[in-house]
Amino acid sequence: MMMGMVAEKNGLDVKGAKATVQAEMTSVPTNRIKSFTVTIALPRRFSEEDQLKLRRGMERCPVHNSFHPDVQIGVVMVSPR
């Protein structure tokens, strides 16, 4: 996962992070995925700057970039309180 590579490069400990994916389907004109929402539960709080680095890493992910441009991909990062 690109986020893990970015974390390692920047000395960020993301051990214990969890990702969940929720997909929304459409049937018009054919059955296909309309959108994804990826929720990343971070194991600890990170600065906004570090969260931005992690998010940019996810956006460079080859899997992320393999979807058709019509597929909307949302990313939500959740930190512990």
Protein backbone atom coordinates (compact mmCIF):
# COMPACT_ATOMS: atom_id res chain seq x y z
CA MET A 1 0.00 0.00 0.00
CA MET A 2 1.37 3.38 -0.98
CA MET A 3 0.31 4.91 2.35
CA GLY A 4 2.61 2.47 4.14
CA MET A 5 5.52 3.37 1.88
CA VAL A 6 4.95 7.09 2.48
CA ALA A 7 4.69 6.46 6.23
CA GLU A 8 7.96 4.52 6.27
CA LYS A 9 9.76 7.18 4.19
CA ASN A 10 8.60 9.91 6.60
CA GLY A 11 9.11 7.97 9.85
CA LEU A 12 5.37 7.77 10.59
CA ASP A 13 4.16 4.74 12.57
CA VAL A 14 0.88 3.60 11.03
CA LYS A 15 0.99 0.10 12.52
CA GLY A 16 -2.56 -0.84 13.45
CA ALA A 17 -4.23 1.37 10.82
CA LYS A 18 -7.36 -0.21 9.35
CA ALA A 19 -9.16 0.46 6.10
CA THR A 20 -12.79 -0.24 5.28
CA VAL A 21 -14.31 0.19 1.85
CA GLN A 22 -17.93 0.84 1.05
CA ALA A 23 -19.05 0.67 -2.58
CA GLU A 24 -22.15 2.15 -4.16
CA MET A 25 -23.49 0.41 -7.24
CA THR A 26 -25.48 1.68 -10.19
CA SER A 27 -27.59 -0.26 -12.66
CA VAL A 28 -27.83 2.41 -15.33
CA PRO A 29 -26.81 1.78 -18.04
CA THR A 30 -25.37 -1.49 -16.68
CA ASN A 31 -24.43 -2.88 -13.28
CA ARG A 32 -21.19 -1.30 -12.20
CA ILE A 33 -19.55 0.46 -9.28
CA LYS A 34 -20.55 4.10 -9.06
CA SER A 35 -18.39 5.14 -6.12
CA PHE A 36 -16.19 3.98 -3.26
CA THR A 37 -15.69 5.46 0.15
CA VAL A 38 -12.48 4.37 1.84
CA THR A 39 -12.31 5.01 5.57
CA ILE A 40 -8.85 4.84 7.12
CA ALA A 41 -8.84 4.46 10.90
CA LEU A 42 -5.46 5.78 11.97
CA PRO A 43 -3.92 4.26 15.11
CA ARG A 44 -2.88 7.65 16.50
CA ARG A 45 -3.16 11.36 15.83
CA PHE A 46 -0.97 12.82 13.11
CA SER A 47 -0.37 16.45 12.26
CA GLU A 48 -2.35 17.88 9.36
CA GLU A 49 0.88 17.98 7.36
CA ASP A 50 1.53 14.26 7.96
CA GLN A 51 -2.10 13.37 7.17
CA LEU A 52 -1.73 15.26 3.89
CA LYS A 53 1.41 13.24 3.07
CA LEU A 54 -0.48 9.99 3.78
CA ARG A 55 -3.47 11.11 1.69
CA ARG A 56 -1.21 12.03 -1.24
CA GLY A 57 0.38 8.61 -0.99
CA MET A 58 -3.04 6.99 -1.29
CA GLU A 59 -3.86 9.15 -4.30
CA ARG A 60 -0.71 7.88 -6.06
CA CYS A 61 -1.70 4.25 -5.44
CA PRO A 62 -1.73 2.28 -8.73
CA VAL A 63 -4.96 0.52 -7.72
CA HIS A 64 -6.61 3.86 -6.92
CA ASN A 65 -5.54 5.19 -10.29
CA SER A 66 -6.72 2.13 -12.23
CA PHE A 67 -10.43 2.87 -11.86
CA HIS A 68 -12.41 4.49 -14.62
CA PRO A 69 -12.56 8.29 -14.19
CA ASP A 70 -16.36 8.10 -13.69
CA VAL A 71 -15.88 6.08 -10.49
CA GLN A 72 -15.85 8.52 -7.58
CA ILE A 73 -13.41 7.66 -4.79
CA GLY A 74 -13.73 9.36 -1.43
CA VAL A 75 -11.20 9.00 1.36
CA VAL A 76 -11.99 9.67 5.02
CA MET A 77 -9.25 9.61 7.65
CA VAL A 78 -10.33 9.03 11.23
CA SER A 79 -7.98 9.64 14.16
CA PRO A 80 -8.48 8.61 17.77
CA ARG A 81 -9.73 11.39 20.03
